[in-house]
Amino acid sequence: MLYYIPYMSNFLKTVTDSLSSVFHKDTVDSVLGIDIGSSSVKIVQLKKHGGKAVLETYGALSLGPYANADIGALTNLPTDVLAKALIDVLKESNTTTTNGALAIPSIASLIFIITLPGNIKESDLANIIPVEARKYVPVPIAEVTLDWWMLPNEALIQDESVGSNQTTPQTAQNLPNNINTEVLVVAIHNDTLAKYRELLTASNINSHFFEMEIFSAIRSSFNYELAPVVFIDFGASKTKVTIIEYGIVKSFHIINRGSYDITKNISTSLSIPFKEAEDLKRSVGMSSNANQNVAQIVQISIDYILAESYAIVLAYQKKYNKAISKVIMMGGGSQTLGLKDKVSEVFFVEVMYADPFTKTEAPAFLEPILKQSGPEFAVAIGLALRQLS
């Protein structure tokens, strides 16, 4: 069954294209977006029809049972087992295409910004970036693949946003020497790329590129805000905090605690099975009215994550002298009961869930389900949207 909605163009294409290995691709009918996390696999199949993004099917599968563990448990599966899980979710979701793209998890990479003199030429970056990247990458540069994008000068962005009539482009080559140039750099270990290439081959997926998960999520969940926006991805093993300004990643950090830790703490503290703890986390969350003991355990973990997140945002605000405008929450842990209100208390700004399915069309009766599921499918949808652009 096909569903239609006006297609939202990818305004971040220039950013994401420069941050992944992109090859020319032929027009395809249907495409897959594949997001493999540490505890589950999410897939989305979209089709472009008459300039519209059509949601054909989607699905998710827990990886715990493939590691003889509970649903929600963290896994580190070998490639052949991971391929079996991916094939299973594709089959169960009734997908009809093998054309797709796979996201590289943020925990398998480094994202950082290098500051260079304002008169650096873009053509010189290929020689400069590997040298500068040694300060940030903890392994030999030969063991990683680097990609980068020169961030536009803020003054230029502001001029363009108000319709500047400048006749001379304000590029890095003709900026004054006292104005620095920022370059966003991504480093991915070659072993990680080899693993995912092997996975695609084993699962018979035809793909021409990889993309960092954060850029896929931005594409599906970000609109046209000019003021800084904070993305908080509450994943199973980690929490990722990204600050976006003018559609550009300006800050990215990983907090070594996620929703799995909350379940594990509940299980350990109350001496109950992991599965029962997972159910309590979802049904009780931070609601002391339902179960005060569970709420207190959840609160401790959430307080740590939000304290770290706030410190990241505060450092950004001090560095750039700018206040954030809103927080967008995504990831499976984002829907922990009471979390949204707690985030509002900490940041004192508008807080919303990622709602990527609004960029696809689906029947009205599915809207409540898709809205609830949206925060978990932001990456998969963003990958599929890129292939349709």
Protein backbone atom coordinates (compact mmCIF):
# COMPACT_ATOMS: atom_id res chain seq x y z
CA MET A 1 0.00 0.00 0.00
CA LEU A 2 1.32 3.45 -0.90
CA TYR A 3 0.83 6.64 1.11
CA TYR A 4 1.65 10.17 -0.08
CA ILE A 5 2.75 13.48 1.42
CA PRO A 6 4.47 16.58 -0.03
CA TYR A 7 8.18 15.76 -0.08
CA MET A 8 10.45 17.87 2.13
CA SER A 9 13.69 18.73 0.33
CA ASN A 10 17.01 17.98 2.03
CA PHE A 11 18.37 21.38 2.98
CA LEU A 12 21.34 19.75 4.73
CA LYS A 13 22.52 17.92 1.61
CA THR A 14 25.68 19.99 1.22
CA VAL A 15 26.66 19.21 4.79
CA THR A 16 25.95 15.50 4.77
CA ASP A 17 27.32 14.92 1.28
CA SER A 18 30.66 16.28 2.39
CA LEU A 19 30.69 14.13 5.50
CA SER A 20 30.38 10.73 3.87
CA SER A 21 31.77 8.86 0.92
CA VAL A 22 29.24 9.73 -1.77
CA PHE A 23 29.02 8.20 -5.21
CA HIS A 24 26.74 9.04 -8.12
CA LYS A 25 23.62 6.91 -7.85
CA ASP A 26 20.95 5.98 -10.33
CA THR A 27 17.31 6.76 -9.63
CA VAL A 28 15.67 3.94 -7.67
CA ASP A 29 12.03 3.20 -6.91
CA SER A 30 12.20 2.23 -3.23
CA VAL A 31 15.02 2.71 -0.73
CA LEU A 32 15.92 1.45 2.71
CA GLY A 33 17.32 3.36 5.67
CA ILE A 34 19.08 1.03 8.11
CA ASP A 35 20.02 2.00 11.66
CA ILE A 36 21.89 -0.63 13.67
CA GLY A 37 22.30 0.25 17.33
CA SER A 38 23.80 -1.63 20.24
CA SER A 39 20.44 -3.11 21.28
CA SER A 40 18.21 -3.04 18.20
CA VAL A 41 17.93 -2.67 14.42
CA LYS A 42 15.54 -0.16 12.84
CA ILE A 43 14.64 -0.06 9.16
CA VAL A 44 12.45 2.20 7.03
CA GLN A 45 11.44 1.76 3.38
CA LEU A 46 10.43 4.87 1.43
CA LYS A 47 9.44 5.49 -2.15
CA LYS A 48 9.38 8.72 -4.13
CA HIS A 49 6.17 9.27 -6.07
CA GLY A 50 5.34 12.50 -7.83
CA GLY A 51 7.92 14.41 -5.80
CA LYS A 52 6.59 12.99 -2.54
CA ALA A 53 8.22 10.74 0.06
CA VAL A 54 6.04 7.68 0.55
CA LEU A 55 6.28 5.52 3.68
CA GLU A 56 5.97 1.91 2.51
CA THR A 57 7.02 -0.02 5.61
CA TYR A 58 9.15 0.15 8.72
CA GLY A 59 10.22 -2.16 11.52
CA ALA A 60 12.46 -2.76 14.52
CA LEU A 61 14.05 -5.82 16.04
CA SER A 62 15.77 -6.30 19.39
CA LEU A 63 19.28 -7.76 19.17
CA GLY A 64 19.32 -9.18 22.69
CA PRO A 65 17.91 -12.61 21.76
CA TYR A 66 20.57 -13.00 19.05
CA ALA A 67 23.16 -12.83 21.82
CA ASN A 68 21.14 -15.13 24.13
CA ALA A 69 20.31 -12.09 26.24
CA ASP A 70 17.19 -10.18 27.22
CA ILE A 71 15.37 -7.70 25.02
CA GLY A 72 16.98 -4.30 25.60
CA ALA A 73 20.38 -5.75 26.49
CA LEU A 74 23.54 -4.40 24.87
CA THR A 75 25.16 -6.58 22.22
CA ASN A 76 28.38 -6.83 20.24
CA LEU A 77 27.42 -9.40 17.64
CA PRO A 78 29.75 -10.90 15.03
CA THR A 79 29.02 -9.82 11.48
CA ASP A 80 27.33 -13.05 10.42
CA VAL A 81 24.88 -12.96 13.33
CA LEU A 82 24.22 -9.26 12.80
CA ALA A 83 23.51 -9.98 9.14
CA LYS A 84 21.00 -12.65 10.16
CA ALA A 85 19.22 -10.14 12.42
CA LEU A 86 19.13 -7.57 9.62
CA ILE A 87 17.76 -10.12 7.14
CA ASP A 88 15.12 -11.13 9.69
CA VAL A 89 13.86 -7.58 10.28
CA LEU A 90 13.78 -6.90 6.54
CA LYS A 91 11.74 -10.05 6.02
CA GLU A 92 9.37 -9.42 8.92
CA SER A 93 8.81 -5.85 7.72
CA ASN A 94 7.92 -7.07 4.22
CA THR A 95 10.51 -4.90 2.49
CA THR A 96 10.61 -5.16 -1.29
CA THR A 97 13.95 -3.60 -2.22
CA THR A 98 17.64 -4.22 -1.65
CA ASN A 99 18.66 -0.61 -2.34
CA GLY A 100 19.62 1.00 0.94
CA ALA A 101 22.07 2.85 3.12
CA LEU A 102 23.54 2.13 6.52
CA ALA A 103 24.34 4.59 9.31
CA ILE A 104 27.68 4.53 11.10
CA PRO A 105 27.10 4.77 14.88
CA SER A 106 28.53 7.84 16.55
CA ILE A 107 30.28 5.65 19.12
CA ALA A 108 32.32 4.12 16.28
CA SER A 109 33.74 7.47 15.19
CA LEU A 110 35.08 10.82 16.27
CA ILE A 111 33.56 14.17 15.33
CA PHE A 112 35.49 17.33 16.14
CA ILE A 113 36.11 20.88 14.93
CA ILE A 114 39.56 22.15 13.98
CA THR A 115 40.22 25.90 13.99
CA LEU A 116 42.54 27.19 11.28
CA PRO A 117 43.68 30.65 10.11
CA GLY A 118 41.14 32.48 7.99
CA ASN A 119 43.26 32.53 4.83
CA ILE A 120 43.55 28.74 4.54
CA LYS A 121 42.61 27.51 1.07
CA GLU A 122 40.21 24.61 0.84
CA SER A 123 42.56 22.92 -1.62
CA ASP A 124 45.23 22.79 1.12
CA LEU A 125 43.05 20.94 3.62
CA ALA A 126 44.00 17.49 2.32
CA ASN A 127 47.54 18.11 3.60
CA ILE A 128 46.62 20.06 6.75
CA ILE A 129 43.74 18.01 8.21
CA PRO A 130 45.62 14.70 8.72
CA VAL A 131 48.35 16.55 10.60
CA GLU A 132 45.92 18.49 12.81
CA ALA A 133 43.72 15.42 13.35
CA ARG A 134 46.56 13.65 15.18
CA LYS A 135 45.77 15.88 18.17
CA TYR A 136 42.28 14.37 18.42
CA VAL A 137 42.52 10.82 17.07
CA PRO A 138 43.95 8.32 19.61
CA VAL A 139 45.14 5.82 16.98
CA PRO A 140 47.54 6.18 14.04
CA ILE A 141 46.01 8.31 11.28
CA ALA A 142 46.68 5.52 8.79
CA GLU A 143 44.10 3.38 10.66
CA VAL A 144 41.21 5.79 10.14
CA THR A 145 39.34 7.36 7.24
CA LEU A 146 39.00 11.12 7.50
CA ASP A 147 36.40 13.36 5.94
CA TRP A 148 35.82 17.06 6.54
CA TRP A 149 33.81 20.10 5.61
CA MET A 150 34.85 23.73 5.92
CA LEU A 151 32.18 25.49 7.97
CA PRO A 152 30.83 28.70 6.44
CA ASN A 153 31.89 31.91 8.12
CA GLU A 154 29.11 33.06 10.44
CA ALA A 155 29.08 36.58 9.05
CA LEU A 156 28.52 35.16 5.58
CA ILE A 157 25.65 32.97 6.78
CA GLN A 158 23.97 35.92 8.46
CA ASP A 159 24.35 38.05 5.33
CA GLU A 160 22.81 35.33 3.18
CA SER A 161 19.95 34.80 5.63
CA VAL A 162 18.87 38.43 5.27
CA GLY A 163 19.43 38.58 1.51
CA SER A 164 22.80 40.30 1.34
CA ASN A 165 23.63 42.09 -1.92
CA GLN A 166 27.38 41.47 -1.66
CA THR A 167 29.04 41.07 -5.04
CA THR A 168 32.20 39.38 -3.70
CA PRO A 169 31.71 35.94 -2.08
CA GLN A 170 33.13 35.87 1.44
CA THR A 171 34.97 32.56 1.19
CA ALA A 172 37.79 31.32 3.38
CA GLN A 173 40.34 32.42 0.79
CA ASN A 174 39.45 36.10 1.06
CA LEU A 175 38.54 36.36 4.74
CA PRO A 176 40.80 38.62 6.82
CA ASN A 177 43.72 36.77 8.38
CA ASN A 178 42.48 37.55 11.90
CA ILE A 179 39.20 35.67 11.31
CA ASN A 180 39.55 31.95 11.96
CA THR A 181 38.10 29.19 9.80
CA GLU A 182 36.43 26.20 11.44
CA VAL A 183 36.55 22.76 9.82
CA LEU A 184 34.28 19.92 10.90
CA VAL A 185 36.17 16.61 10.80
CA VAL A 186 34.91 13.03 11.00
CA ALA A 187 37.25 10.11 11.70
CA ILE A 188 36.06 6.52 11.30
CA HIS A 189 38.23 3.50 12.00
CA ASN A 190 38.95 1.48 8.87
CA ASP A 191 38.00 -1.73 10.69
CA THR A 192 34.52 -0.30 11.30
CA LEU A 193 34.06 0.52 7.62
CA ALA A 194 35.25 -2.96 6.65
CA LYS A 195 32.78 -4.54 9.09
CA TYR A 196 29.84 -2.63 7.68
CA ARG A 197 30.84 -3.35 4.09
CA GLU A 198 30.93 -7.03 5.00
CA LEU A 199 27.54 -6.72 6.67
CA LEU A 200 25.98 -5.15 3.58
CA THR A 201 27.38 -7.91 1.38
CA ALA A 202 26.16 -10.66 3.71
CA SER A 203 22.65 -9.19 3.84
CA ASN A 204 22.52 -8.50 0.08
CA ILE A 205 22.00 -4.74 0.46
CA ASN A 206 23.08 -2.51 -2.44
CA SER A 207 24.56 0.68 -1.01
CA HIS A 208 26.77 3.42 -2.42
CA PHE A 209 27.58 5.32 0.77
CA PHE A 210 27.77 5.35 4.55
CA GLU A 211 26.65 8.26 6.67
CA MET A 212 27.17 9.23 10.29
CA GLU A 213 23.95 8.68 12.23
CA ILE A 214 23.80 12.23 13.57
CA PHE A 215 23.64 13.72 10.07
CA SER A 216 20.83 11.35 9.12
CA ALA A 217 18.91 12.32 12.26
CA ILE A 218 19.35 16.02 11.55
CA ARG A 219 17.98 15.60 8.03
CA SER A 220 14.80 13.92 9.26
CA SER A 221 14.16 15.93 12.42
CA PHE A 222 15.56 19.43 11.90
CA ASN A 223 13.61 22.24 10.27
CA TYR A 224 14.76 25.77 9.48
CA GLU A 225 15.75 27.09 12.91
CA LEU A 226 18.58 29.64 12.81
CA ALA A 227 19.23 29.83 16.56
CA PRO A 228 21.24 27.01 18.17
CA VAL A 229 19.28 23.79 18.73
CA VAL A 230 20.35 20.91 20.97
CA PHE A 231 19.78 17.31 19.88
CA ILE A 232 19.92 14.77 22.72
CA ASP A 233 19.92 11.17 21.55
CA PHE A 234 19.12 8.87 24.47
CA GLY A 235 20.56 5.63 23.10
CA ALA A 236 20.90 2.27 24.82
CA SER A 237 24.63 2.40 25.56
CA LYS A 238 25.41 6.11 25.22
CA THR A 239 23.74 9.50 25.15
CA LYS A 240 24.81 11.78 22.30
CA VAL A 241 24.55 15.57 22.60
CA THR A 242 24.79 17.63 19.41
CA ILE A 243 24.42 21.39 19.01
CA ILE A 244 23.22 22.57 15.59
CA GLU A 245 23.35 26.13 14.30
CA TYR A 246 22.29 27.22 10.82
CA GLY A 247 21.87 23.53 10.01
CA ILE A 248 25.53 22.87 10.86
CA VAL A 249 26.98 20.64 13.58
CA LYS A 250 28.90 22.98 15.90
CA SER A 251 29.42 20.67 18.87
CA PHE A 252 29.20 16.91 19.39
CA HIS A 253 29.77 14.94 22.60
CA ILE A 254 29.10 11.42 23.87
CA ILE A 255 28.04 10.73 27.46
CA ASN A 256 28.96 7.23 28.57
CA ARG A 257 25.58 6.37 30.00
CA GLY A 258 22.34 5.35 28.31
CA SER A 259 18.96 3.75 28.81
CA TYR A 260 20.52 0.31 29.33
CA ASP A 261 22.27 1.61 32.44
CA ILE A 262 18.92 2.70 33.87
CA THR A 263 17.44 -0.77 33.40
CA LYS A 264 20.53 -2.41 34.83
CA ASN A 265 20.43 -0.16 37.91
CA ILE A 266 16.77 -1.00 38.50
CA SER A 267 17.50 -4.72 38.12
CA THR A 268 20.48 -4.61 40.50
CA SER A 269 18.92 -2.33 43.12
CA LEU A 270 15.63 -4.22 43.35
CA SER A 271 17.12 -7.69 42.70
CA ILE A 272 14.74 -8.40 39.86
CA PRO A 273 15.27 -9.89 36.37
CA PHE A 274 16.44 -7.55 33.62
CA LYS A 275 13.22 -8.01 31.64
CA GLU A 276 11.09 -7.00 34.62
CA ALA A 277 13.33 -3.98 35.21
CA GLU A 278 12.96 -2.97 31.55
CA ASP A 279 9.17 -3.12 31.87
CA LEU A 280 9.28 -0.99 35.03
CA LYS A 281 11.52 1.58 33.36
CA ARG A 282 9.02 2.00 30.55
CA SER A 283 5.83 1.94 32.63
CA VAL A 284 7.01 3.85 35.72
CA GLY A 285 9.94 5.98 34.61
CA MET A 286 10.33 9.02 36.83
CA SER A 287 6.76 8.90 38.15
CA SER A 288 6.98 8.55 41.92
CA ASN A 289 3.21 8.12 42.08
CA ALA A 290 3.52 4.74 40.36
CA ASN A 291 6.56 3.35 42.18
CA GLN A 292 8.75 5.61 44.29
CA ASN A 293 11.70 3.20 44.45
CA VAL A 294 11.88 2.80 40.69
CA ALA A 295 11.42 6.55 40.15
CA GLN A 296 14.35 7.34 42.45
CA ILE A 297 16.64 4.90 40.64
CA VAL A 298 15.69 6.32 37.26
CA GLN A 299 16.10 9.85 38.58
CA ILE A 300 19.72 9.24 39.62
CA SER A 301 20.74 8.12 36.13
CA ILE A 302 18.78 10.85 34.39
CA ASP A 303 20.24 13.53 36.67
CA TYR A 304 23.76 12.46 35.70
CA ILE A 305 23.00 12.47 31.97
CA LEU A 306 21.30 15.86 32.10
CA ALA A 307 24.03 17.40 34.26
CA GLU A 308 26.61 16.34 31.67
CA SER A 309 24.38 17.60 28.85
CA TYR A 310 23.88 20.96 30.52
CA ALA A 311 27.64 21.35 31.04
CA ILE A 312 28.17 20.78 27.31
CA VAL A 313 25.54 23.36 26.40
CA LEU A 314 26.85 25.85 28.94
CA ALA A 315 30.37 25.58 27.53
CA TYR A 316 29.02 26.21 24.04
CA GLN A 317 27.01 29.22 25.17
CA LYS A 318 30.05 30.73 26.87
CA LYS A 319 32.30 30.12 23.87
CA TYR A 320 29.94 31.62 21.29
CA ASN A 321 27.92 33.93 23.56
CA LYS A 322 24.65 32.48 22.29
CA ALA A 323 21.68 30.86 23.99
CA ILE A 324 20.06 27.69 22.71
CA SER A 325 16.50 27.96 21.41
CA LYS A 326 15.15 24.44 21.93
CA VAL A 327 15.98 20.83 22.73
CA ILE A 328 14.99 17.96 20.44
CA MET A 329 14.94 14.52 22.05
CA MET A 330 15.41 11.25 20.15
CA GLY A 331 16.40 7.65 20.76
CA GLY A 332 14.54 4.86 22.54
CA GLY A 333 15.31 6.23 26.00
CA SER A 334 13.84 9.64 25.18
CA GLN A 335 10.32 8.46 25.97
CA THR A 336 11.09 7.54 29.56
CA LEU A 337 8.08 8.70 31.54
CA GLY A 338 8.68 12.17 33.00
CA LEU A 339 11.93 12.79 31.09
CA LYS A 340 10.58 15.55 28.85
CA ASP A 341 9.44 17.62 31.84
CA LYS A 342 12.79 17.09 33.55
CA VAL A 343 14.69 18.28 30.45
CA SER A 344 12.49 21.39 30.40
CA GLU A 345 13.38 22.12 34.02
CA VAL A 346 17.10 21.84 33.31
CA PHE A 347 17.33 23.87 30.09
CA PHE A 348 14.44 26.35 30.46
CA VAL A 349 13.63 26.17 26.73
CA GLU A 350 11.11 24.45 24.50
CA VAL A 351 11.58 20.67 24.50
CA MET A 352 10.14 18.43 21.80
CA TYR A 353 10.45 14.90 20.49
CA ALA A 354 11.93 14.23 17.08
CA ASP A 355 9.04 13.63 14.68
CA PRO A 356 10.67 12.38 11.46
CA PHE A 357 7.59 10.63 10.08
CA THR A 358 6.11 14.06 9.32
CA LYS A 359 8.50 14.13 6.35
CA THR A 360 6.83 11.06 4.92
CA GLU A 361 3.20 10.36 4.12
CA ALA A 362 1.16 7.78 5.96
CA PRO A 363 -2.58 7.31 6.54
CA ALA A 364 -4.12 9.40 9.27
CA PHE A 365 -4.95 6.43 11.49
CA LEU A 366 -1.22 5.65 11.83
CA GLU A 367 -0.30 9.15 12.96
CA PRO A 368 -0.41 8.50 16.75
CA ILE A 369 1.72 5.35 16.40
CA LEU A 370 4.25 7.02 14.11
CA LYS A 371 4.50 10.07 16.35
CA GLN A 372 5.30 7.85 19.33
CA SER A 373 7.79 5.76 17.35
CA GLY A 374 9.42 8.74 15.64
CA PRO A 375 12.28 9.39 18.08
CA GLU A 376 13.60 5.85 17.49
CA PHE A 377 13.43 6.04 13.68
CA ALA A 378 15.02 9.45 13.07
CA VAL A 379 18.26 7.97 11.73
CA ALA A 380 16.66 5.36 9.46
CA ILE A 381 14.26 7.90 7.95
CA GLY A 382 17.04 10.42 7.39
CA LEU A 383 19.07 7.85 5.46
CA ALA A 384 16.13 6.96 3.26
CA LEU A 385 15.30 10.61 2.61
CA ARG A 386 18.84 11.30 1.43
CA GLN A 387 18.56 8.59 -1.21
CA LEU A 388 15.35 10.13 -2.53
CA SER A 389 16.78 13.64 -2.77
